[in-house]
Amino acid sequence: MNAKYSRLLFLITILVVSCFEEPYAQQSPFQQLKQKFEKGRIFHADFQHQSVDSYTQDTVSSNGVIWVGKSRYKVHAEHQSVVVNGKTSMVYDDNRNRVIISKYDPSDDDFAPSRILNGVDSTFTVSTQEQQGNKFYIKLTSDDPFAIYKRVEIFLSKNLIPLKIRAIDPVDNIITTTFTKGTFIHPQKNMFELNYPDGAEIVDLRKQSNSE
């Protein structure tokens, strides 16, 4: 998986993590958002992902569709699709018409919702949660010099639908993911399966690990 989609998955992970933080548990909107993931609901949305270099101002953009659950996720973007179903990781690259399959271990995945939800990553703290007009705003910060981002801002609609995540990394690059048509849906059969052409090359790394 290339760095661009890894950053996207990390931001999605931060979104899920924020829902499980409870320093302001008395504020019912965030408690309700947390319960959506706890009850197994899936966040589904179109996304636009943009990264701006702080020095050159060069901008890299991509867009696609995401499905995010408590421990599963799928990203379908231009030229690449990624599915993690809790047991297996599958990545399809349509430029090479190739599928890479590997065993999934949350402890090896820095971007997995389950990894951070289990308390492995404690680098971020919720510094702000407030209502701004008809939106809710959450700010996460980190003093860890090795954190991938030093600040993450999350914007939710009044109905607790994620609208945008904006992150600033240690060298002030700005990474923004905007969600449209966002909704929480019930999981469906085959939702976290990867679709690819019949003639695609299959590279199954699980076989290699079993032979070692």
C-alpha atoms as a PDB file:
ATOM      1  CA  MET A   1       0.000   0.000   0.000  1.00  0.00           C
ATOM      2  CA  ASN A   2       1.508   3.352  -0.955  1.00  0.00           C
ATOM      3  CA  ALA A   3       2.064   6.217   1.459  1.00  0.00           C
ATOM      4  CA  LYS A   4      -0.826   8.298   0.139  1.00  0.00           C
ATOM      5  CA  TYR A   5      -3.451   5.710   1.052  1.00  0.00           C
ATOM      6  CA  SER A   6      -1.657   4.856   4.279  1.00  0.00           C
ATOM      7  CA  ARG A   7      -2.044   8.469   5.383  1.00  0.00           C
ATOM      8  CA  LEU A   8      -5.696   8.361   4.418  1.00  0.00           C
ATOM      9  CA  LEU A   9      -6.282   5.209   6.448  1.00  0.00           C
ATOM     10  CA  PHE A  10      -4.510   6.760   9.408  1.00  0.00           C
ATOM     11  CA  LEU A  11      -6.838   9.769   9.273  1.00  0.00           C
ATOM     12  CA  ILE A  12      -9.829   7.455   9.081  1.00  0.00           C
ATOM     13  CA  THR A  13      -8.447   5.620  12.093  1.00  0.00           C
ATOM     14  CA  ILE A  14      -8.183   8.908  13.988  1.00  0.00           C
ATOM     15  CA  LEU A  15     -11.845   9.509  13.176  1.00  0.00           C
ATOM     16  CA  VAL A  16     -12.835   6.202  14.737  1.00  0.00           C
ATOM     17  CA  VAL A  17     -10.526   6.715  17.713  1.00  0.00           C
ATOM     18  CA  SER A  18     -12.059  10.091  18.496  1.00  0.00           C
ATOM     19  CA  CYS A  19     -15.419   8.400  18.773  1.00  0.00           C
ATOM     20  CA  PHE A  20     -14.115   6.144  21.517  1.00  0.00           C
ATOM     21  CA  GLU A  21     -12.417   8.832  23.590  1.00  0.00           C
ATOM     22  CA  GLU A  22     -14.599   9.812  26.537  1.00  0.00           C
ATOM     23  CA  PRO A  23     -13.105  12.822  28.343  1.00  0.00           C
ATOM     24  CA  TYR A  24     -16.401  14.612  27.745  1.00  0.00           C
ATOM     25  CA  ALA A  25     -18.756  11.660  28.118  1.00  0.00           C
ATOM     26  CA  GLN A  26     -21.514  13.921  29.421  1.00  0.00           C
ATOM     27  CA  GLN A  27     -21.819  15.467  25.956  1.00  0.00           C
ATOM     28  CA  SER A  28     -24.360  13.148  24.387  1.00  0.00           C
ATOM     29  CA  PRO A  29     -23.569  13.828  20.698  1.00  0.00           C
ATOM     30  CA  PHE A  30     -20.149  12.168  20.927  1.00  0.00           C
ATOM     31  CA  GLN A  31     -21.502   9.367  23.066  1.00  0.00           C
ATOM     32  CA  GLN A  32     -24.071   8.682  20.353  1.00  0.00           C
ATOM     33  CA  LEU A  33     -21.354   8.686  17.709  1.00  0.00           C
ATOM     34  CA  LYS A  34     -19.339   6.206  19.739  1.00  0.00           C
ATOM     35  CA  GLN A  35     -22.369   3.942  20.032  1.00  0.00           C
ATOM     36  CA  LYS A  36     -22.756   3.795  16.248  1.00  0.00           C
ATOM     37  CA  PHE A  37     -19.391   2.028  15.948  1.00  0.00           C
ATOM     38  CA  GLU A  38     -19.959  -0.082  19.046  1.00  0.00           C
ATOM     39  CA  LYS A  39     -23.205  -1.370  17.560  1.00  0.00           C
ATOM     40  CA  GLY A  40     -21.415  -2.431  14.405  1.00  0.00           C
ATOM     41  CA  ARG A  41     -22.531   0.374  12.107  1.00  0.00           C
ATOM     42  CA  ILE A  42     -20.371   1.171   9.089  1.00  0.00           C
ATOM     43  CA  PHE A  43     -19.459   4.708   8.046  1.00  0.00           C
ATOM     44  CA  HIS A  44     -19.794   4.980   4.258  1.00  0.00           C
ATOM     45  CA  ALA A  45     -18.913   8.071   2.243  1.00  0.00           C
ATOM     46  CA  ASP A  46     -17.320   9.520  -0.845  1.00  0.00           C
ATOM     47  CA  PHE A  47     -14.033  11.208  -0.019  1.00  0.00           C
ATOM     48  CA  GLN A  48     -11.590  13.708  -1.461  1.00  0.00           C
ATOM     49  CA  HIS A  49      -8.073  13.485  -0.071  1.00  0.00           C
ATOM     50  CA  GLN A  50      -5.610  16.351  -0.490  1.00  0.00           C
ATOM     51  CA  SER A  51      -2.037  16.826   0.692  1.00  0.00           C
ATOM     52  CA  VAL A  52      -0.299  20.214   0.501  1.00  0.00           C
ATOM     53  CA  ASP A  53       3.471  20.471   0.859  1.00  0.00           C
ATOM     54  CA  SER A  54       4.302  23.263   3.307  1.00  0.00           C
ATOM     55  CA  TYR A  55       7.515  24.232   1.476  1.00  0.00           C
ATOM     56  CA  THR A  56       6.648  23.986  -2.219  1.00  0.00           C
ATOM     57  CA  GLN A  57       2.842  24.266  -1.901  1.00  0.00           C
ATOM     58  CA  ASP A  58       2.616  21.323  -4.297  1.00  0.00           C
ATOM     59  CA  THR A  59      -0.753  19.610  -3.970  1.00  0.00           C
ATOM     60  CA  VAL A  60      -1.602  15.947  -4.477  1.00  0.00           C
ATOM     61  CA  SER A  61      -5.258  14.941  -4.618  1.00  0.00           C
ATOM     62  CA  SER A  62      -7.251  11.749  -4.886  1.00  0.00           C
ATOM     63  CA  ASN A  63     -10.826  10.682  -4.399  1.00  0.00           C
ATOM     64  CA  GLY A  64     -12.854   7.568  -3.913  1.00  0.00           C
ATOM     65  CA  VAL A  65     -15.218   5.750  -1.581  1.00  0.00           C
ATOM     66  CA  ILE A  66     -14.687   4.405   1.949  1.00  0.00           C
ATOM     67  CA  TRP A  67     -16.373   1.979   4.318  1.00  0.00           C
ATOM     68  CA  VAL A  68     -15.149   2.068   7.928  1.00  0.00           C
ATOM     69  CA  GLY A  69     -16.149  -0.125  10.853  1.00  0.00           C
ATOM     70  CA  LYS A  70     -14.716  -0.700  14.285  1.00  0.00           C
ATOM     71  CA  SER A  71     -12.102  -3.190  13.077  1.00  0.00           C
ATOM     72  CA  ARG A  72     -12.690  -3.409   9.327  1.00  0.00           C
ATOM     73  CA  TYR A  73     -12.274  -0.987   6.469  1.00  0.00           C
ATOM     74  CA  LYS A  74     -12.389  -0.724   2.699  1.00  0.00           C
ATOM     75  CA  VAL A  75     -11.032   2.028   0.484  1.00  0.00           C
ATOM     76  CA  HIS A  76     -11.812   2.186  -3.223  1.00  0.00           C
ATOM     77  CA  ALA A  77      -9.763   4.898  -4.901  1.00  0.00           C
ATOM     78  CA  GLU A  78      -8.331   5.603  -8.320  1.00  0.00           C
ATOM     79  CA  HIS A  79      -6.220   2.630  -9.475  1.00  0.00           C
ATOM     80  CA  GLN A  80      -6.253   0.901  -6.078  1.00  0.00           C
ATOM     81  CA  SER A  81      -8.648  -0.839  -3.697  1.00  0.00           C
ATOM     82  CA  VAL A  82      -7.825  -1.955  -0.157  1.00  0.00           C
ATOM     83  CA  VAL A  83      -9.867  -4.273   2.053  1.00  0.00           C
ATOM     84  CA  VAL A  84      -9.141  -5.400   5.596  1.00  0.00           C
ATOM     85  CA  ASN A  85     -11.812  -7.694   7.020  1.00  0.00           C
ATOM     86  CA  GLY A  86     -10.192  -8.403  10.372  1.00  0.00           C
ATOM     87  CA  LYS A  87      -8.411 -11.579   9.249  1.00  0.00           C
ATOM     88  CA  THR A  88      -7.049 -10.865   5.768  1.00  0.00           C
ATOM     89  CA  SER A  89      -5.597  -7.836   3.991  1.00  0.00           C
ATOM     90  CA  MET A  90      -6.172  -7.578   0.242  1.00  0.00           C
ATOM     91  CA  VAL A  91      -4.878  -4.875  -2.100  1.00  0.00           C
ATOM     92  CA  TYR A  92      -5.794  -4.653  -5.783  1.00  0.00           C
ATOM     93  CA  ASP A  93      -3.655  -2.480  -8.089  1.00  0.00           C
ATOM     94  CA  ASP A  94      -5.465  -2.019 -11.389  1.00  0.00           C
ATOM     95  CA  ASN A  95      -2.371  -0.541 -13.076  1.00  0.00           C
ATOM     96  CA  ARG A  96      -0.686  -3.931 -12.666  1.00  0.00           C
ATOM     97  CA  ASN A  97      -3.904  -5.956 -12.526  1.00  0.00           C
ATOM     98  CA  ARG A  98      -2.515  -7.616  -9.417  1.00  0.00           C
ATOM     99  CA  VAL A  99      -3.967  -8.650  -6.058  1.00  0.00           C
ATOM    100  CA  ILE A 100      -1.755  -9.017  -3.000  1.00  0.00           C
ATOM    101  CA  ILE A 101      -3.234 -11.094  -0.173  1.00  0.00           C
ATOM    102  CA  SER A 102      -1.656 -11.351   3.261  1.00  0.00           C
ATOM    103  CA  LYS A 103      -2.578 -12.422   6.761  1.00  0.00           C
ATOM    104  CA  TYR A 104      -3.839  -9.512   8.800  1.00  0.00           C
ATOM    105  CA  ASP A 105      -2.338  -8.754  12.172  1.00  0.00           C
ATOM    106  CA  PRO A 106      -3.674  -5.555  13.807  1.00  0.00           C
ATOM    107  CA  SER A 107      -0.453  -5.231  15.816  1.00  0.00           C
ATOM    108  CA  ASP A 108       1.468  -4.800  12.547  1.00  0.00           C
ATOM    109  CA  ASP A 109      -0.931  -2.238  11.095  1.00  0.00           C
ATOM    110  CA  ASP A 110      -0.293   1.309  12.269  1.00  0.00           C
ATOM    111  CA  PHE A 111      -3.471   2.448  10.527  1.00  0.00           C
ATOM    112  CA  ALA A 112      -5.915  -0.149  11.825  1.00  0.00           C
ATOM    113  CA  PRO A 113      -8.870   1.074  13.873  1.00  0.00           C
ATOM    114  CA  SER A 114      -8.589  -2.009  16.065  1.00  0.00           C
ATOM    115  CA  ARG A 115      -4.936  -1.291  16.833  1.00  0.00           C
ATOM    116  CA  ILE A 116      -5.603   2.141  18.294  1.00  0.00           C
ATOM    117  CA  LEU A 117      -8.963   1.229  19.787  1.00  0.00           C
ATOM    118  CA  ASN A 118      -7.163  -1.412  21.823  1.00  0.00           C
ATOM    119  CA  GLY A 119      -5.078   1.347  23.369  1.00  0.00           C
ATOM    120  CA  VAL A 120      -1.793   0.761  21.561  1.00  0.00           C
ATOM    121  CA  ASP A 121      -1.545   4.364  20.362  1.00  0.00           C
ATOM    122  CA  SER A 122      -1.779   6.892  23.177  1.00  0.00           C
ATOM    123  CA  THR A 123       0.041   9.723  21.410  1.00  0.00           C
ATOM    124  CA  PHE A 124      -3.108  11.802  20.797  1.00  0.00           C
ATOM    125  CA  THR A 125      -5.248  13.565  23.365  1.00  0.00           C
ATOM    126  CA  VAL A 126      -8.533  15.378  22.833  1.00  0.00           C
ATOM    127  CA  SER A 127      -7.823  19.036  23.551  1.00  0.00           C
ATOM    128  CA  THR A 128     -11.081  20.535  22.244  1.00  0.00           C
ATOM    129  CA  GLN A 129     -14.654  19.363  21.710  1.00  0.00           C
ATOM    130  CA  GLU A 130     -17.212  22.049  20.990  1.00  0.00           C
ATOM    131  CA  GLN A 131     -20.200  23.002  18.884  1.00  0.00           C
ATOM    132  CA  GLN A 132     -19.541  25.617  16.201  1.00  0.00           C
ATOM    133  CA  GLY A 133     -22.784  26.773  14.643  1.00  0.00           C
ATOM    134  CA  ASN A 134     -24.465  23.703  13.183  1.00  0.00           C
ATOM    135  CA  LYS A 135     -21.278  21.607  13.346  1.00  0.00           C
ATOM    136  CA  PHE A 136     -19.234  19.852  16.016  1.00  0.00           C
ATOM    137  CA  TYR A 137     -15.482  20.347  16.214  1.00  0.00           C
ATOM    138  CA  ILE A 138     -12.866  18.057  17.783  1.00  0.00           C
ATOM    139  CA  LYS A 139      -9.159  18.839  18.021  1.00  0.00           C
ATOM    140  CA  LEU A 140      -6.601  16.165  18.832  1.00  0.00           C
ATOM    141  CA  THR A 141      -3.021  17.105  19.650  1.00  0.00           C
ATOM    142  CA  SER A 142       0.200  15.261  20.335  1.00  0.00           C
ATOM    143  CA  ASP A 143       3.452  16.251  22.010  1.00  0.00           C
ATOM    144  CA  ASP A 144       5.149  13.064  20.876  1.00  0.00           C
ATOM    145  CA  PRO A 145       8.024  14.003  18.511  1.00  0.00           C
ATOM    146  CA  PHE A 146       7.531  10.701  16.682  1.00  0.00           C
ATOM    147  CA  ALA A 147       3.783  11.106  16.105  1.00  0.00           C
ATOM    148  CA  ILE A 148       2.794  11.086  12.443  1.00  0.00           C
ATOM    149  CA  TYR A 149       0.717  14.246  13.035  1.00  0.00           C
ATOM    150  CA  LYS A 150       1.014  16.981  15.643  1.00  0.00           C
ATOM    151  CA  ARG A 151      -2.589  18.148  15.278  1.00  0.00           C
ATOM    152  CA  VAL A 152      -5.764  16.632  13.868  1.00  0.00           C
ATOM    153  CA  GLU A 153      -9.074  18.474  13.495  1.00  0.00           C
ATOM    154  CA  ILE A 154     -12.363  16.649  12.956  1.00  0.00           C
ATOM    155  CA  PHE A 155     -15.581  18.304  11.796  1.00  0.00           C
ATOM    156  CA  LEU A 156     -18.965  16.611  12.280  1.00  0.00           C
ATOM    157  CA  SER A 157     -22.425  17.626  11.117  1.00  0.00           C
ATOM    158  CA  LYS A 158     -25.172  18.332  13.633  1.00  0.00           C
ATOM    159  CA  ASN A 159     -26.318  14.762  12.942  1.00  0.00           C
ATOM    160  CA  LEU A 160     -22.848  13.481  13.890  1.00  0.00           C
ATOM    161  CA  ILE A 161     -21.833  12.621  10.342  1.00  0.00           C
ATOM    162  CA  PRO A 162     -18.099  13.149   9.682  1.00  0.00           C
ATOM    163  CA  LEU A 163     -17.565  16.001   7.231  1.00  0.00           C
ATOM    164  CA  LYS A 164     -13.835  16.637   7.233  1.00  0.00           C
ATOM    165  CA  ILE A 165     -10.546  15.650   8.835  1.00  0.00           C
ATOM    166  CA  ARG A 166      -7.611  18.059   8.633  1.00  0.00           C
ATOM    167  CA  ALA A 167      -4.182  17.053   9.895  1.00  0.00           C
ATOM    168  CA  ILE A 168      -0.861  18.871  10.229  1.00  0.00           C
ATOM    169  CA  ASP A 169       2.316  16.828  10.325  1.00  0.00           C
ATOM    170  CA  PRO A 170       5.580  17.713  12.119  1.00  0.00           C
ATOM    171  CA  VAL A 171       6.882  19.732   9.137  1.00  0.00           C
ATOM    172  CA  ASP A 172       3.549  21.576   8.681  1.00  0.00           C
ATOM    173  CA  ASN A 173       2.310  19.705   5.627  1.00  0.00           C
ATOM    174  CA  ILE A 174      -1.500  19.825   5.598  1.00  0.00           C
ATOM    175  CA  ILE A 175      -3.517  16.712   4.815  1.00  0.00           C
ATOM    176  CA  THR A 176      -7.262  17.139   4.395  1.00  0.00           C
ATOM    177  CA  THR A 177      -9.919  14.507   3.788  1.00  0.00           C
ATOM    178  CA  THR A 178     -13.416  15.764   3.008  1.00  0.00           C
ATOM    179  CA  PHE A 179     -16.426  13.443   3.141  1.00  0.00           C
ATOM    180  CA  THR A 180     -19.622  13.807   1.125  1.00  0.00           C
ATOM    181  CA  LYS A 181     -22.770  11.664   1.070  1.00  0.00           C
ATOM    182  CA  GLY A 182     -21.668  10.308   4.423  1.00  0.00           C
ATOM    183  CA  THR A 183     -23.954   7.946   6.304  1.00  0.00           C
ATOM    184  CA  PHE A 184     -23.870   5.137   8.857  1.00  0.00           C
ATOM    185  CA  ILE A 185     -25.200   1.888   7.461  1.00  0.00           C
ATOM    186  CA  HIS A 186     -25.696  -1.649   8.680  1.00  0.00           C
ATOM    187  CA  PRO A 187     -23.055  -4.156   7.595  1.00  0.00           C
ATOM    188  CA  GLN A 188     -24.025  -6.230   4.590  1.00  0.00           C
ATOM    189  CA  LYS A 189     -22.890  -9.587   3.282  1.00  0.00           C
ATOM    190  CA  ASN A 190     -19.732  -9.327   1.153  1.00  0.00           C
ATOM    191  CA  MET A 191     -19.278  -5.672   2.101  1.00  0.00           C
ATOM    192  CA  PHE A 192     -15.658  -6.272   3.045  1.00  0.00           C
ATOM    193  CA  GLU A 193     -14.743  -8.467   0.116  1.00  0.00           C
ATOM    194  CA  LEU A 194     -12.463  -7.277  -2.685  1.00  0.00           C
ATOM    195  CA  ASN A 195     -13.733  -7.257  -6.262  1.00  0.00           C
ATOM    196  CA  TYR A 196     -11.191  -7.715  -9.060  1.00  0.00           C
ATOM    197  CA  PRO A 197     -11.097  -9.080 -12.641  1.00  0.00           C
ATOM    198  CA  ASP A 198     -10.934 -12.831 -13.225  1.00  0.00           C
ATOM    199  CA  GLY A 199      -7.597 -12.506 -15.016  1.00  0.00           C
ATOM    200  CA  ALA A 200      -5.808 -10.584 -12.260  1.00  0.00           C
ATOM    201  CA  GLU A 201      -2.471 -11.904 -10.999  1.00  0.00           C
ATOM    202  CA  ILE A 202      -2.824 -13.235  -7.441  1.00  0.00           C
ATOM    203  CA  VAL A 203       0.113 -12.949  -5.043  1.00  0.00           C
ATOM    204  CA  ASP A 204      -0.796 -14.802  -1.858  1.00  0.00           C
ATOM    205  CA  LEU A 205       1.776 -13.995   0.810  1.00  0.00           C
ATOM    206  CA  ARG A 206      -0.030 -16.242   3.278  1.00  0.00           C
ATOM    207  CA  LYS A 207       1.389 -19.264   1.492  1.00  0.00           C
ATOM    208  CA  GLN A 208       4.932 -17.921   1.830  1.00  0.00           C
ATOM    209  CA  SER A 209       4.523 -17.317   5.575  1.00  0.00           C
ATOM    210  CA  ASN A 210       3.127 -20.815   6.074  1.00  0.00           C
ATOM    211  CA  SER A 211       6.119 -22.386   4.322  1.00  0.00           C
ATOM    212  CA  GLU A 212       8.678 -20.600   6.521  1.00  0.00           C
END
